[in-house]
Amino acid sequence: MSDDTPLPVSALLAAVPVRDADAAREFYERLLGTPPSEAPMPGLTQWDVAGGVLQVVVDADRAGGGLLTLVVEDVGSAAAALRARGLEVDVATGEVVTALTQLLDPDGNAITLVQA
């Protein structure tokens, strides 16, 4: 593979570090509206999302430093659904993106929903 050849990636997995697996699982179930796709080993829970995989992994040293962005069709509708699930969100509008909202998981990892 030469320097200008794209890396031949066949799948993408993104991980969010957390301290408490149970609290994180409850939060991400509420956020995504579905139970995890699998929990392949202790301390690792994952959801199949939009052709990729979101992993929530126990890693106390890194917990709270994660950033996750989810692109949705309608931020207003997504925010209403999240509020109905007991999550607090505020929606902002802007010029680069139509709308966005951000919330934090129990460890302080930032989750941003954007409507491009």
N, C-alpha and C. Protein backbone atom coordinates (compact mmCIF):
# COMPACT_ATOMS: atom_id res chain seq x y z
N MET A 1 0.85 -1.18 0.00
CA MET A 1 0.00 0.00 0.00
C MET A 1 0.90 1.24 0.00
N SER A 2 0.68 2.15 -0.94
CA SER A 2 1.48 3.37 -1.01
C SER A 2 0.90 4.42 -0.05
N ASP A 3 1.66 5.50 0.15
CA ASP A 3 1.24 6.55 1.08
C ASP A 3 -0.07 7.20 0.70
N ASP A 4 -0.41 7.23 -0.59
CA ASP A 4 -1.64 7.91 -1.01
C ASP A 4 -2.82 6.95 -1.22
N THR A 5 -2.64 5.69 -0.87
CA THR A 5 -3.73 4.71 -0.98
C THR A 5 -4.58 4.76 0.28
N PRO A 6 -5.90 4.90 0.14
CA PRO A 6 -6.75 4.92 1.33
C PRO A 6 -6.60 3.63 2.13
N LEU A 7 -6.68 3.74 3.42
CA LEU A 7 -6.63 2.58 4.30
C LEU A 7 -7.85 1.71 4.02
N PRO A 8 -7.67 0.42 3.77
CA PRO A 8 -8.80 -0.44 3.41
C PRO A 8 -9.62 -0.88 4.64
N VAL A 9 -10.39 0.06 5.18
CA VAL A 9 -11.19 -0.20 6.38
C VAL A 9 -12.45 -0.96 5.99
N SER A 10 -12.74 -2.04 6.73
CA SER A 10 -13.95 -2.82 6.43
C SER A 10 -15.05 -2.60 7.46
N ALA A 11 -14.74 -1.98 8.59
CA ALA A 11 -15.75 -1.70 9.60
C ALA A 11 -15.23 -0.60 10.52
N LEU A 12 -16.16 0.11 11.16
CA LEU A 12 -15.80 1.16 12.10
C LEU A 12 -16.47 0.88 13.44
N LEU A 13 -15.68 0.90 14.50
CA LEU A 13 -16.17 0.75 15.86
C LEU A 13 -15.69 1.97 16.63
N ALA A 14 -16.59 2.67 17.28
CA ALA A 14 -16.23 3.82 18.11
C ALA A 14 -16.51 3.47 19.55
N ALA A 15 -15.59 3.82 20.46
CA ALA A 15 -15.74 3.46 21.86
C ALA A 15 -15.88 4.71 22.73
N VAL A 16 -16.78 4.61 23.72
CA VAL A 16 -16.96 5.65 24.72
C VAL A 16 -16.54 5.06 26.06
N PRO A 17 -15.56 5.67 26.73
CA PRO A 17 -15.09 5.13 28.01
C PRO A 17 -15.98 5.56 29.17
N VAL A 18 -16.29 4.63 30.05
CA VAL A 18 -17.16 4.89 31.21
C VAL A 18 -16.58 4.25 32.46
N ARG A 19 -17.09 4.66 33.62
CA ARG A 19 -16.67 4.07 34.89
C ARG A 19 -17.61 2.94 35.31
N ASP A 20 -18.91 3.15 35.14
CA ASP A 20 -19.93 2.24 35.66
C ASP A 20 -20.70 1.63 34.49
N ALA A 21 -20.50 0.35 34.24
CA ALA A 21 -21.13 -0.32 33.11
C ALA A 21 -22.64 -0.30 33.19
N ASP A 22 -23.20 -0.50 34.38
CA ASP A 22 -24.66 -0.54 34.52
C ASP A 22 -25.30 0.82 34.27
N ALA A 23 -24.72 1.87 34.85
CA ALA A 23 -25.26 3.22 34.64
C ALA A 23 -25.14 3.62 33.17
N ALA A 24 -24.02 3.27 32.55
CA ALA A 24 -23.82 3.60 31.14
C ALA A 24 -24.81 2.85 30.26
N ARG A 25 -25.00 1.57 30.55
CA ARG A 25 -25.94 0.78 29.75
C ARG A 25 -27.34 1.39 29.81
N GLU A 26 -27.79 1.76 31.01
CA GLU A 26 -29.11 2.37 31.14
C GLU A 26 -29.19 3.66 30.33
N PHE A 27 -28.17 4.51 30.45
CA PHE A 27 -28.17 5.77 29.72
C PHE A 27 -28.21 5.55 28.22
N TYR A 28 -27.34 4.69 27.69
CA TYR A 28 -27.27 4.49 26.24
C TYR A 28 -28.50 3.76 25.70
N GLU A 29 -29.12 2.93 26.51
CA GLU A 29 -30.40 2.33 26.10
C GLU A 29 -31.45 3.42 25.95
N ARG A 30 -31.48 4.37 26.88
CA ARG A 30 -32.43 5.48 26.79
C ARG A 30 -32.10 6.38 25.62
N LEU A 31 -30.82 6.67 25.43
CA LEU A 31 -30.39 7.53 24.33
C LEU A 31 -30.77 6.93 22.98
N LEU A 32 -30.41 5.67 22.78
CA LEU A 32 -30.62 5.03 21.48
C LEU A 32 -31.99 4.39 21.33
N GLY A 33 -32.70 4.22 22.44
CA GLY A 33 -34.05 3.67 22.38
C GLY A 33 -34.10 2.18 22.13
N THR A 34 -33.01 1.49 22.44
CA THR A 34 -32.95 0.05 22.18
C THR A 34 -31.91 -0.58 23.11
N PRO A 35 -32.12 -1.84 23.46
CA PRO A 35 -31.08 -2.52 24.24
C PRO A 35 -29.84 -2.73 23.37
N PRO A 36 -28.72 -3.04 24.00
CA PRO A 36 -27.51 -3.25 23.22
C PRO A 36 -27.65 -4.42 22.25
N SER A 37 -26.90 -4.36 21.18
CA SER A 37 -26.87 -5.45 20.21
C SER A 37 -26.19 -6.67 20.80
N GLU A 38 -25.16 -6.40 21.62
CA GLU A 38 -24.47 -7.50 22.30
C GLU A 38 -23.57 -6.96 23.40
N ALA A 39 -23.18 -7.86 24.27
CA ALA A 39 -22.21 -7.58 25.32
C ALA A 39 -21.18 -8.71 25.25
N PRO A 40 -20.20 -8.57 24.36
CA PRO A 40 -19.30 -9.68 24.05
C PRO A 40 -18.36 -10.11 25.18
N MET A 41 -18.15 -9.22 26.16
CA MET A 41 -17.30 -9.59 27.29
C MET A 41 -17.57 -8.63 28.43
N PRO A 42 -17.19 -8.99 29.64
CA PRO A 42 -17.42 -8.08 30.77
C PRO A 42 -16.79 -6.71 30.53
N GLY A 43 -17.55 -5.66 30.84
CA GLY A 43 -17.05 -4.30 30.67
C GLY A 43 -17.20 -3.75 29.27
N LEU A 44 -17.83 -4.48 28.37
CA LEU A 44 -18.02 -4.02 27.00
C LEU A 44 -19.44 -4.31 26.55
N THR A 45 -20.15 -3.25 26.20
CA THR A 45 -21.50 -3.35 25.66
C THR A 45 -21.50 -2.60 24.34
N GLN A 46 -22.21 -3.13 23.35
CA GLN A 46 -22.19 -2.43 22.06
C GLN A 46 -23.53 -2.44 21.36
N TRP A 47 -23.72 -1.38 20.57
CA TRP A 47 -24.93 -1.18 19.78
C TRP A 47 -24.52 -1.04 18.31
N ASP A 48 -25.26 -1.71 17.44
CA ASP A 48 -25.08 -1.51 16.00
C ASP A 48 -25.85 -0.24 15.64
N VAL A 49 -25.15 0.75 15.10
CA VAL A 49 -25.75 2.05 14.81
C VAL A 49 -25.31 2.51 13.43
N ALA A 50 -26.26 2.68 12.54
CA ALA A 50 -26.02 3.31 11.23
C ALA A 50 -24.84 2.70 10.48
N GLY A 51 -24.71 1.39 10.50
CA GLY A 51 -23.65 0.73 9.76
C GLY A 51 -22.34 0.63 10.52
N GLY A 52 -22.28 1.20 11.71
CA GLY A 52 -21.08 1.11 12.54
C GLY A 52 -21.46 0.51 13.88
N VAL A 53 -20.53 0.52 14.81
CA VAL A 53 -20.76 -0.05 16.14
C VAL A 53 -20.33 0.97 17.18
N LEU A 54 -21.22 1.25 18.12
CA LEU A 54 -20.90 2.08 19.27
C LEU A 54 -20.59 1.15 20.43
N GLN A 55 -19.37 1.22 20.93
CA GLN A 55 -18.96 0.41 22.07
C GLN A 55 -18.92 1.30 23.30
N VAL A 56 -19.49 0.80 24.39
CA VAL A 56 -19.40 1.46 25.68
C VAL A 56 -18.53 0.54 26.53
N VAL A 57 -17.36 1.05 26.89
CA VAL A 57 -16.34 0.21 27.52
C VAL A 57 -15.91 0.79 28.87
N VAL A 58 -15.81 -0.07 29.86
CA VAL A 58 -15.35 0.36 31.16
C VAL A 58 -13.85 0.65 31.07
N ASP A 59 -13.50 1.91 31.31
CA ASP A 59 -12.12 2.36 31.30
C ASP A 59 -12.08 3.61 32.18
N ALA A 60 -11.96 3.40 33.48
CA ALA A 60 -12.06 4.49 34.45
C ALA A 60 -11.05 5.60 34.20
N ASP A 61 -9.87 5.28 33.71
CA ASP A 61 -8.84 6.31 33.48
C ASP A 61 -9.22 7.26 32.35
N ARG A 62 -10.00 6.81 31.39
CA ARG A 62 -10.38 7.64 30.25
C ARG A 62 -11.82 8.14 30.34
N ALA A 63 -12.60 7.63 31.28
CA ALA A 63 -14.03 7.96 31.38
C ALA A 63 -14.24 9.47 31.46
N GLY A 64 -15.25 9.93 30.75
CA GLY A 64 -15.61 11.34 30.77
C GLY A 64 -14.96 12.18 29.69
N GLY A 65 -14.03 11.61 28.95
CA GLY A 65 -13.34 12.37 27.91
C GLY A 65 -13.82 12.07 26.51
N GLY A 66 -14.88 11.26 26.39
CA GLY A 66 -15.34 10.85 25.08
C GLY A 66 -16.22 11.88 24.39
N LEU A 67 -16.19 11.86 23.09
CA LEU A 67 -17.04 12.71 22.26
C LEU A 67 -17.75 11.81 21.25
N LEU A 68 -19.05 11.94 21.17
CA LEU A 68 -19.84 11.13 20.25
C LEU A 68 -20.79 12.06 19.52
N THR A 69 -20.81 12.00 18.20
CA THR A 69 -21.73 12.80 17.41
C THR A 69 -22.63 11.87 16.62
N LEU A 70 -23.93 12.09 16.73
CA LEU A 70 -24.92 11.32 16.00
C LEU A 70 -25.65 12.27 15.05
N VAL A 71 -25.69 11.94 13.77
CA VAL A 71 -26.41 12.75 12.79
C VAL A 71 -27.82 12.21 12.68
N VAL A 72 -28.80 13.08 12.86
CA VAL A 72 -30.21 12.68 12.81
C VAL A 72 -30.94 13.52 11.77
N GLU A 73 -32.08 13.01 11.30
CA GLU A 73 -32.87 13.75 10.32
C GLU A 73 -33.48 15.01 10.88
N ASP A 74 -33.97 14.93 12.12
CA ASP A 74 -34.68 16.06 12.72
C ASP A 74 -34.31 16.15 14.20
N VAL A 75 -33.50 17.13 14.53
CA VAL A 75 -33.05 17.28 15.92
C VAL A 75 -34.21 17.55 16.85
N GLY A 76 -35.19 18.33 16.41
CA GLY A 76 -36.34 18.63 17.26
C GLY A 76 -37.10 17.38 17.66
N SER A 77 -37.35 16.50 16.71
CA SER A 77 -38.04 15.24 16.99
C SER A 77 -37.19 14.34 17.87
N ALA A 78 -35.88 14.29 17.58
CA ALA A 78 -34.98 13.46 18.39
C ALA A 78 -34.94 13.97 19.82
N ALA A 79 -34.86 15.29 19.99
CA ALA A 79 -34.82 15.88 21.33
C ALA A 79 -36.11 15.58 22.08
N ALA A 80 -37.25 15.65 21.40
CA ALA A 80 -38.53 15.34 22.04
C ALA A 80 -38.56 13.88 22.49
N ALA A 81 -38.05 12.99 21.67
CA ALA A 81 -38.00 11.57 22.05
C ALA A 81 -37.08 11.36 23.25
N LEU A 82 -35.95 12.05 23.27
CA LEU A 82 -35.03 11.91 24.39
C LEU A 82 -35.65 12.46 25.67
N ARG A 83 -36.35 13.59 25.57
CA ARG A 83 -37.02 14.14 26.75
C ARG A 83 -38.07 13.16 27.27
N ALA A 84 -38.79 12.51 26.37
CA ALA A 84 -39.81 11.53 26.78
C ALA A 84 -39.17 10.33 27.49
N ARG A 85 -37.90 10.09 27.21
CA ARG A 85 -37.17 8.99 27.86
C ARG A 85 -36.46 9.45 29.13
N GLY A 86 -36.71 10.71 29.52
CA GLY A 86 -36.14 11.22 30.76
C GLY A 86 -34.77 11.86 30.65
N LEU A 87 -34.32 12.15 29.44
CA LEU A 87 -33.02 12.79 29.25
C LEU A 87 -33.23 14.28 29.00
N GLU A 88 -32.37 15.12 29.57
CA GLU A 88 -32.48 16.56 29.41
C GLU A 88 -31.66 17.02 28.22
N VAL A 89 -32.32 17.74 27.30
CA VAL A 89 -31.64 18.28 26.12
C VAL A 89 -32.21 19.64 25.78
N ASP A 90 -31.36 20.49 25.23
CA ASP A 90 -31.76 21.78 24.69
C ASP A 90 -31.33 21.81 23.23
N VAL A 91 -32.12 22.45 22.39
CA VAL A 91 -31.81 22.50 20.97
C VAL A 91 -31.35 23.92 20.62
N ALA A 92 -30.27 24.00 19.85
CA ALA A 92 -29.77 25.28 19.35
C ALA A 92 -29.76 25.23 17.83
N THR A 93 -29.85 26.38 17.20
CA THR A 93 -29.79 26.43 15.74
C THR A 93 -28.59 27.27 15.34
N GLY A 94 -28.14 27.06 14.11
CA GLY A 94 -26.96 27.79 13.64
C GLY A 94 -26.90 27.83 12.14
N GLU A 95 -25.77 28.32 11.64
CA GLU A 95 -25.60 28.47 10.21
C GLU A 95 -24.92 27.27 9.57
N VAL A 96 -23.96 26.66 10.25
CA VAL A 96 -23.22 25.54 9.67
C VAL A 96 -24.07 24.27 9.71
N VAL A 97 -24.72 24.04 10.83
CA VAL A 97 -25.66 22.94 10.94
C VAL A 97 -27.03 23.54 11.20
N THR A 98 -28.07 22.85 10.77
CA THR A 98 -29.41 23.38 10.95
C THR A 98 -29.76 23.47 12.42
N ALA A 99 -29.48 22.41 13.16
CA ALA A 99 -29.78 22.39 14.59
C ALA A 99 -28.89 21.36 15.26
N LEU A 100 -28.68 21.55 16.55
CA LEU A 100 -27.91 20.56 17.30
C LEU A 100 -28.35 20.59 18.75
N THR A 101 -28.08 19.49 19.41
CA THR A 101 -28.31 19.39 20.84
C THR A 101 -27.19 18.56 21.44
N GLN A 102 -26.86 18.87 22.66
CA GLN A 102 -25.79 18.12 23.32
C GLN A 102 -26.24 17.70 24.71
N LEU A 103 -25.84 16.51 25.10
CA LEU A 103 -26.09 16.04 26.45
C LEU A 103 -24.89 15.25 26.91
N LEU A 104 -24.84 14.99 28.21
CA LEU A 104 -23.71 14.27 28.79
C LEU A 104 -24.19 12.95 29.36
N ASP A 105 -23.36 11.91 29.21
CA ASP A 105 -23.70 10.64 29.85
C ASP A 105 -23.31 10.73 31.33
N PRO A 106 -23.57 9.71 32.12
CA PRO A 106 -23.28 9.80 33.56
C PRO A 106 -21.82 10.10 33.90
N ASP A 107 -20.88 9.81 32.99
CA ASP A 107 -19.47 10.08 33.25
C ASP A 107 -19.01 11.42 32.69
N GLY A 108 -19.87 12.10 31.96
CA GLY A 108 -19.49 13.39 31.38
C GLY A 108 -19.04 13.30 29.95
N ASN A 109 -19.14 12.13 29.30
CA ASN A 109 -18.85 12.04 27.86
C ASN A 109 -19.91 12.86 27.13
N ALA A 110 -19.48 13.65 26.16
CA ALA A 110 -20.39 14.53 25.44
C ALA A 110 -20.98 13.85 24.22
N ILE A 111 -22.31 13.86 24.15
CA ILE A 111 -23.02 13.31 23.00
C ILE A 111 -23.71 14.48 22.30
N THR A 112 -23.42 14.66 21.03
CA THR A 112 -24.01 15.74 20.25
C THR A 112 -24.85 15.13 19.15
N LEU A 113 -26.08 15.60 19.03
CA LEU A 113 -26.95 15.22 17.92
C LEU A 113 -26.99 16.41 16.98
N VAL A 114 -26.71 16.18 15.70
CA VAL A 114 -26.74 17.27 14.72
C VAL A 114 -27.67 16.94 13.59
N GLN A 115 -28.27 17.97 13.09
CA GLN A 115 -29.10 17.90 11.88
C GLN A 115 -28.38 18.75 10.85
N ALA A 116 -27.77 18.11 9.87
CA ALA A 116 -26.96 18.83 8.89
C ALA A 116 -27.81 19.52 7.85
